[in-house]
All heavy atoms as atom14 arrays in JSON, in Angstrom:
{
  "sequence": "PIATILKEQNTVNKHGEEVATTVKGRHDPC",
  "atom14_mask": [
    [1, 1, 1, 1, 1, 1, 1, 0, 0, 0, 0, 0, 0, 0],
    [1, 1, 1, 1, 1, 1, 1, 1, 0, 0, 0, 0, 0, 0],
    [1, 1, 1, 1, 1, 0, 0, 0, 0, 0, 0, 0, 0, 0],
    [1, 1, 1, 1, 1, 1, 1, 0, 0, 0, 0, 0, 0, 0],
    [1, 1, 1, 1, 1, 1, 1, 1, 0, 0, 0, 0, 0, 0],
    [1, 1, 1, 1, 1, 1, 1, 1, 0, 0, 0, 0, 0, 0],
    [1, 1, 1, 1, 1, 1, 1, 1, 1, 0, 0, 0, 0, 0],
    [1, 1, 1, 1, 1, 1, 1, 1, 1, 0, 0, 0, 0, 0],
    [1, 1, 1, 1, 1, 1, 1, 1, 1, 0, 0, 0, 0, 0],
    [1, 1, 1, 1, 1, 1, 1, 1, 0, 0, 0, 0, 0, 0],
    [1, 1, 1, 1, 1, 1, 1, 0, 0, 0, 0, 0, 0, 0],
    [1, 1, 1, 1, 1, 1, 1, 0, 0, 0, 0, 0, 0, 0],
    [1, 1, 1, 1, 1, 1, 1, 1, 0, 0, 0, 0, 0, 0],
    [1, 1, 1, 1, 1, 1, 1, 1, 1, 0, 0, 0, 0, 0],
    [1, 1, 1, 1, 1, 1, 1, 1, 1, 1, 0, 0, 0, 0],
    [1, 1, 1, 1, 0, 0, 0, 0, 0, 0, 0, 0, 0, 0],
    [1, 1, 1, 1, 1, 1, 1, 1, 1, 0, 0, 0, 0, 0],
    [1, 1, 1, 1, 1, 1, 1, 1, 1, 0, 0, 0, 0, 0],
    [1, 1, 1, 1, 1, 1, 1, 0, 0, 0, 0, 0, 0, 0],
    [1, 1, 1, 1, 1, 0, 0, 0, 0, 0, 0, 0, 0, 0],
    [1, 1, 1, 1, 1, 1, 1, 0, 0, 0, 0, 0, 0, 0],
    [1, 1, 1, 1, 1, 1, 1, 0, 0, 0, 0, 0, 0, 0],
    [1, 1, 1, 1, 1, 1, 1, 0, 0, 0, 0, 0, 0, 0],
    [1, 1, 1, 1, 1, 1, 1, 1, 1, 0, 0, 0, 0, 0],
    [1, 1, 1, 1, 0, 0, 0, 0, 0, 0, 0, 0, 0, 0],
    [1, 1, 1, 1, 1, 1, 1, 1, 1, 1, 1, 0, 0, 0],
    [1, 1, 1, 1, 1, 1, 1, 1, 1, 1, 0, 0, 0, 0],
    [1, 1, 1, 1, 1, 1, 1, 1, 0, 0, 0, 0, 0, 0],
    [1, 1, 1, 1, 1, 1, 1, 0, 0, 0, 0, 0, 0, 0],
    [1, 1, 1, 1, 1, 1, 0, 0, 0, 0, 0, 0, 0, 0]
  ],
  "atom14_positions": [
    [[0.86, -1.18, 0.0], [0.0, 0.0, 0.0], [0.9, 1.24, 0.0], [1.91, 1.26, 0.72], [-0.77, -0.1, 1.32], [-0.56, -1.5, 1.79], [0.74, -1.96, 1.23], [0.0, 0.0, 0.0], [0.0, 0.0, 0.0], [0.0, 0.0, 0.0], [0.0, 0.0, 0.0], [0.0, 0.0, 0.0], [0.0, 0.0, 0.0], [0.0, 0.0, 0.0]],
    [[0.61, 2.23, -0.82], [1.48, 3.41, -0.84], [1.49, 4.05, 0.54], [0.5, 4.01, 1.28], [1.08, 4.42, -1.92], [-0.32, 4.99, -1.68], [1.17, 3.81, -3.3], [-0.61, 6.2, -2.52], [0.0, 0.0, 0.0], [0.0, 0.0, 0.0], [0.0, 0.0, 0.0], [0.0, 0.0, 0.0], [0.0, 0.0, 0.0], [0.0, 0.0, 0.0]],
    [[2.61, 4.64, 0.89], [2.79, 5.15, 2.25], [1.96, 6.39, 2.55], [1.68, 6.69, 3.7], [4.28, 5.45, 2.47], [0.0, 0.0, 0.0], [0.0, 0.0, 0.0], [0.0, 0.0, 0.0], [0.0, 0.0, 0.0], [0.0, 0.0, 0.0], [0.0, 0.0, 0.0], [0.0, 0.0, 0.0], [0.0, 0.0, 0.0], [0.0, 0.0, 0.0]],
    [[1.58, 7.13, 1.51], [0.83, 8.36, 1.73], [-0.64, 8.05, 1.96], [-1.35, 7.63, 1.05], [0.96, 9.3, 0.52], [2.33, 9.59, 0.3], [0.21, 10.6, 0.77], [0.0, 0.0, 0.0], [0.0, 0.0, 0.0], [0.0, 0.0, 0.0], [0.0, 0.0, 0.0], [0.0, 0.0, 0.0], [0.0, 0.0, 0.0], [0.0, 0.0, 0.0]],
    [[-1.1, 8.25, 3.19], [-2.51, 8.13, 3.52], [-2.95, 9.44, 4.18], [-2.15, 10.13, 4.82], [-2.8, 6.93, 4.44], [-2.01, 7.03, 5.74], [-2.5, 5.62, 3.72], [-2.33, 5.93, 6.73], [0.0, 0.0, 0.0], [0.0, 0.0, 0.0], [0.0, 0.0, 0.0], [0.0, 0.0, 0.0], [0.0, 0.0, 0.0], [0.0, 0.0, 0.0]],
    [[-4.22, 9.79, 3.99], [-4.7, 11.1, 4.43], [-5.28, 11.07, 5.84], [-6.25, 11.75, 6.15], [-5.73, 11.62, 3.43], [-5.26, 11.72, 1.97], [-6.35, 12.28, 1.08], [-3.99, 12.56, 1.88], [0.0, 0.0, 0.0], [0.0, 0.0, 0.0], [0.0, 0.0, 0.0], [0.0, 0.0, 0.0], [0.0, 0.0, 0.0], [0.0, 0.0, 0.0]],
    [[-4.68, 10.26, 6.69], [-5.08, 10.17, 8.09], [-3.93, 10.62, 8.98], [-2.76, 10.54, 8.6], [-5.47, 8.73, 8.45], [-6.74, 8.24, 7.78], [-7.1, 6.85, 8.29], [-8.43, 6.39, 7.71], [-8.84, 5.07, 8.26], [0.0, 0.0, 0.0], [0.0, 0.0, 0.0], [0.0, 0.0, 0.0], [0.0, 0.0, 0.0], [0.0, 0.0, 0.0]],
    [[-4.25, 11.08, 10.17], [-3.22, 11.5, 11.11], [-2.39, 10.3, 11.56], [-2.93, 9.24, 11.86], [-3.84, 12.18, 12.32], [-2.8, 12.74, 13.29], [-3.42, 13.52, 14.43], [-3.65, 14.73, 14.26], [-3.66, 12.89, 15.49], [0.0, 0.0, 0.0], [0.0, 0.0, 0.0], [0.0, 0.0, 0.0], [0.0, 0.0, 0.0], [0.0, 0.0, 0.0]],
    [[-1.06, 10.48, 11.55], [-0.15, 9.42, 11.98], [0.91, 10.02, 12.91], [1.2, 11.22, 12.85], [0.55, 8.79, 10.78], [-0.39, 8.12, 9.79], [0.39, 7.54, 8.63], [0.86, 6.4, 8.69], [0.53, 8.32, 7.57], [0.0, 0.0, 0.0], [0.0, 0.0, 0.0], [0.0, 0.0, 0.0], [0.0, 0.0, 0.0], [0.0, 0.0, 0.0]],
    [[1.49, 9.15, 13.72], [2.55, 9.59, 14.62], [3.9, 9.41, 13.95], [4.14, 8.44, 13.23], [2.51, 8.78, 15.92], [1.24, 9.03, 16.71], [0.78, 10.17, 16.82], [0.66, 7.98, 17.26], [0.0, 0.0, 0.0], [0.0, 0.0, 0.0], [0.0, 0.0, 0.0], [0.0, 0.0, 0.0], [0.0, 0.0, 0.0], [0.0, 0.0, 0.0]],
    [[4.8, 10.37, 14.19], [6.13, 10.3, 13.58], [7.08, 11.16, 14.41], [6.78, 11.51, 15.55], [6.07, 10.78, 12.12], [7.35, 10.56, 11.51], [5.67, 12.23, 11.99], [0.0, 0.0, 0.0], [0.0, 0.0, 0.0], [0.0, 0.0, 0.0], [0.0, 0.0, 0.0], [0.0, 0.0, 0.0], [0.0, 0.0, 0.0], [0.0, 0.0, 0.0]],
    [[8.23, 11.49, 13.83], [9.16, 12.43, 14.45], [9.57, 13.46, 13.42], [9.42, 13.25, 12.21], [10.42, 11.71, 15.01], [10.05, 10.69, 16.06], [11.2, 11.06, 13.89], [0.0, 0.0, 0.0], [0.0, 0.0, 0.0], [0.0, 0.0, 0.0], [0.0, 0.0, 0.0], [0.0, 0.0, 0.0], [0.0, 0.0, 0.0], [0.0, 0.0, 0.0]],
    [[10.11, 14.59, 13.87], [10.61, 15.6, 12.94], [12.14, 15.62, 12.98], [12.76, 14.84, 13.7], [10.01, 16.97, 13.25], [10.35, 17.46, 14.65], [11.37, 17.08, 15.24], [9.49, 18.32, 15.21], [0.0, 0.0, 0.0], [0.0, 0.0, 0.0], [0.0, 0.0, 0.0], [0.0, 0.0, 0.0], [0.0, 0.0, 0.0], [0.0, 0.0, 0.0]],
    [[12.73, 16.5, 12.18], [14.19, 16.51, 12.05], [14.88, 16.98, 13.32], [16.1, 16.82, 13.46], [14.6, 17.37, 10.87], [14.41, 18.86, 11.05], [14.95, 19.6, 9.84], [14.92, 21.11, 10.03], [15.48, 21.82, 8.85], [0.0, 0.0, 0.0], [0.0, 0.0, 0.0], [0.0, 0.0, 0.0], [0.0, 0.0, 0.0], [0.0, 0.0, 0.0]],
    [[14.11, 17.51, 14.28], [14.67, 17.94, 15.56], [14.61, 16.83, 16.6], [14.99, 17.04, 17.75], [13.92, 19.17, 16.07], [13.86, 20.3, 15.09], [14.97, 20.97, 14.66], [12.8, 20.85, 14.43], [14.62, 21.91, 13.77], [13.32, 21.85, 13.62], [0.0, 0.0, 0.0], [0.0, 0.0, 0.0], [0.0, 0.0, 0.0], [0.0, 0.0, 0.0]],
    [[14.11, 15.65, 16.19], [14.03, 14.53, 17.11], [12.81, 14.58, 18.02], [12.75, 13.85, 19.02], [0.0, 0.0, 0.0], [0.0, 0.0, 0.0], [0.0, 0.0, 0.0], [0.0, 0.0, 0.0], [0.0, 0.0, 0.0], [0.0, 0.0, 0.0], [0.0, 0.0, 0.0], [0.0, 0.0, 0.0], [0.0, 0.0, 0.0], [0.0, 0.0, 0.0]],
    [[11.84, 15.39, 17.67], [10.62, 15.52, 18.48], [9.53, 14.6, 17.94], [9.33, 14.51, 16.72], [10.12, 16.96, 18.46], [11.14, 17.96, 18.98], [10.76, 19.4, 18.64], [10.08, 19.61, 17.61], [11.14, 20.3, 19.42], [0.0, 0.0, 0.0], [0.0, 0.0, 0.0], [0.0, 0.0, 0.0], [0.0, 0.0, 0.0], [0.0, 0.0, 0.0]],
    [[8.83, 13.91, 18.83], [7.7, 13.09, 18.42], [6.49, 13.99, 18.17], [6.12, 14.79, 19.03], [7.38, 12.05, 19.49], [8.51, 11.03, 19.68], [8.14, 9.95, 20.68], [7.06, 10.04, 21.28], [8.96, 9.02, 20.86], [0.0, 0.0, 0.0], [0.0, 0.0, 0.0], [0.0, 0.0, 0.0], [0.0, 0.0, 0.0], [0.0, 0.0, 0.0]],
    [[5.91, 13.86, 16.99], [4.79, 14.72, 16.59], [3.73, 13.89, 15.86], [3.98, 12.75, 15.46], [5.26, 15.87, 15.67], [6.24, 16.79, 16.39], [5.9, 15.3, 14.39], [0.0, 0.0, 0.0], [0.0, 0.0, 0.0], [0.0, 0.0, 0.0], [0.0, 0.0, 0.0], [0.0, 0.0, 0.0], [0.0, 0.0, 0.0], [0.0, 0.0, 0.0]],
    [[2.58, 14.5, 15.66], [1.54, 13.91, 14.82], [1.51, 14.7, 13.51], [1.75, 15.91, 13.5], [0.19, 13.97, 15.52], [0.0, 0.0, 0.0], [0.0, 0.0, 0.0], [0.0, 0.0, 0.0], [0.0, 0.0, 0.0], [0.0, 0.0, 0.0], [0.0, 0.0, 0.0], [0.0, 0.0, 0.0], [0.0, 0.0, 0.0], [0.0, 0.0, 0.0]],
    [[1.23, 14.03, 12.43], [1.19, 14.72, 11.14], [0.07, 14.18, 10.28], [-0.34, 13.03, 10.39], [2.54, 14.54, 10.39], [2.53, 15.33, 9.2], [2.77, 13.09, 10.0], [0.0, 0.0, 0.0], [0.0, 0.0, 0.0], [0.0, 0.0, 0.0], [0.0, 0.0, 0.0], [0.0, 0.0, 0.0], [0.0, 0.0, 0.0], [0.0, 0.0, 0.0]],
    [[-0.43, 15.06, 9.42], [-1.45, 14.68, 8.43], [-0.95, 15.13, 7.07], [-0.62, 16.3, 6.87], [-2.8, 15.34, 8.73], [-3.23, 14.96, 10.04], [-3.85, 14.87, 7.72], [0.0, 0.0, 0.0], [0.0, 0.0, 0.0], [0.0, 0.0, 0.0], [0.0, 0.0, 0.0], [0.0, 0.0, 0.0], [0.0, 0.0, 0.0], [0.0, 0.0, 0.0]],
    [[-0.89, 14.21, 6.13], [-0.4, 14.52, 4.79], [-1.53, 15.11, 3.96], [-2.67, 14.65, 4.02], [0.15, 13.25, 4.11], [0.6, 13.55, 2.69], [1.31, 12.68, 4.93], [0.0, 0.0, 0.0], [0.0, 0.0, 0.0], [0.0, 0.0, 0.0], [0.0, 0.0, 0.0], [0.0, 0.0, 0.0], [0.0, 0.0, 0.0], [0.0, 0.0, 0.0]],
    [[-1.18, 16.13, 3.19], [-2.13, 16.73, 2.26], [-1.77, 16.31, 0.84], [-0.88, 15.52, 0.62], [-2.09, 18.25, 2.4], [-2.42, 18.78, 3.79], [-2.3, 20.29, 3.84], [-2.57, 20.81, 5.25], [-2.41, 22.29, 5.32], [0.0, 0.0, 0.0], [0.0, 0.0, 0.0], [0.0, 0.0, 0.0], [0.0, 0.0, 0.0], [0.0, 0.0, 0.0]],
    [[-2.46, 16.87, -0.14], [-2.11, 16.61, -1.53], [-3.03, 15.6, -2.2], [-4.04, 15.17, -1.64], [0.0, 0.0, 0.0], [0.0, 0.0, 0.0], [0.0, 0.0, 0.0], [0.0, 0.0, 0.0], [0.0, 0.0, 0.0], [0.0, 0.0, 0.0], [0.0, 0.0, 0.0], [0.0, 0.0, 0.0], [0.0, 0.0, 0.0], [0.0, 0.0, 0.0]],
    [[-2.64, 15.21, -3.43], [-3.44, 14.31, -4.26], [-2.64, 13.04, -4.51], [-1.53, 13.09, -5.03], [-3.78, 15.0, -5.59], [-4.56, 16.31, -5.42], [-4.37, 17.23, -6.6], [-3.0, 17.69, -6.72], [-2.53, 18.38, -7.76], [-3.33, 18.68, -8.76], [-1.27, 18.76, -7.8], [0.0, 0.0, 0.0], [0.0, 0.0, 0.0], [0.0, 0.0, 0.0]],
    [[-3.22, 11.91, -4.12], [-2.45, 10.68, -4.14], [-3.32, 9.49, -4.58], [-4.53, 9.5, -4.45], [-1.87, 10.41, -2.74], [-1.12, 11.56, -2.17], [0.16, 11.87, -2.55], [-1.49, 12.51, -1.27], [0.57, 12.96, -1.9], [-0.42, 13.37, -1.12], [0.0, 0.0, 0.0], [0.0, 0.0, 0.0], [0.0, 0.0, 0.0], [0.0, 0.0, 0.0]],
    [[-2.66, 8.45, -5.09], [-3.35, 7.24, -5.5], [-3.71, 6.39, -4.28], [-2.84, 6.13, -3.44], [-2.45, 6.39, -6.4], [-2.19, 7.04, -7.74], [-3.03, 6.9, -8.62], [-1.13, 7.69, -7.9], [0.0, 0.0, 0.0], [0.0, 0.0, 0.0], [0.0, 0.0, 0.0], [0.0, 0.0, 0.0], [0.0, 0.0, 0.0], [0.0, 0.0, 0.0]],
    [[-4.96, 5.93, -4.17], [-5.29, 4.99, -3.1], [-4.7, 3.6, -3.37], [-4.48, 2.81, -2.47], [-6.82, 4.95, -3.11], [-7.19, 5.32, -4.52], [-6.15, 6.3, -4.97], [0.0, 0.0, 0.0], [0.0, 0.0, 0.0], [0.0, 0.0, 0.0], [0.0, 0.0, 0.0], [0.0, 0.0, 0.0], [0.0, 0.0, 0.0], [0.0, 0.0, 0.0]],
    [[-4.44, 3.32, -4.65], [-3.83, 2.06, -5.06], [-2.99, 2.33, -6.3], [-3.49, 2.87, -7.29], [-4.9, 1.01, -5.37], [-4.23, -0.59, -5.92], [0.0, 0.0, 0.0], [0.0, 0.0, 0.0], [0.0, 0.0, 0.0], [0.0, 0.0, 0.0], [0.0, 0.0, 0.0], [0.0, 0.0, 0.0], [0.0, 0.0, 0.0], [0.0, 0.0, 0.0]]
  ]
}
């Protein structure tokens, strides 16, 4: 499954902080 999904997910940023993120844009579901 492509990694880009339009739901909130947990990750980290380049500063080493744990954050939540939601991807925007236009993407294939499959």
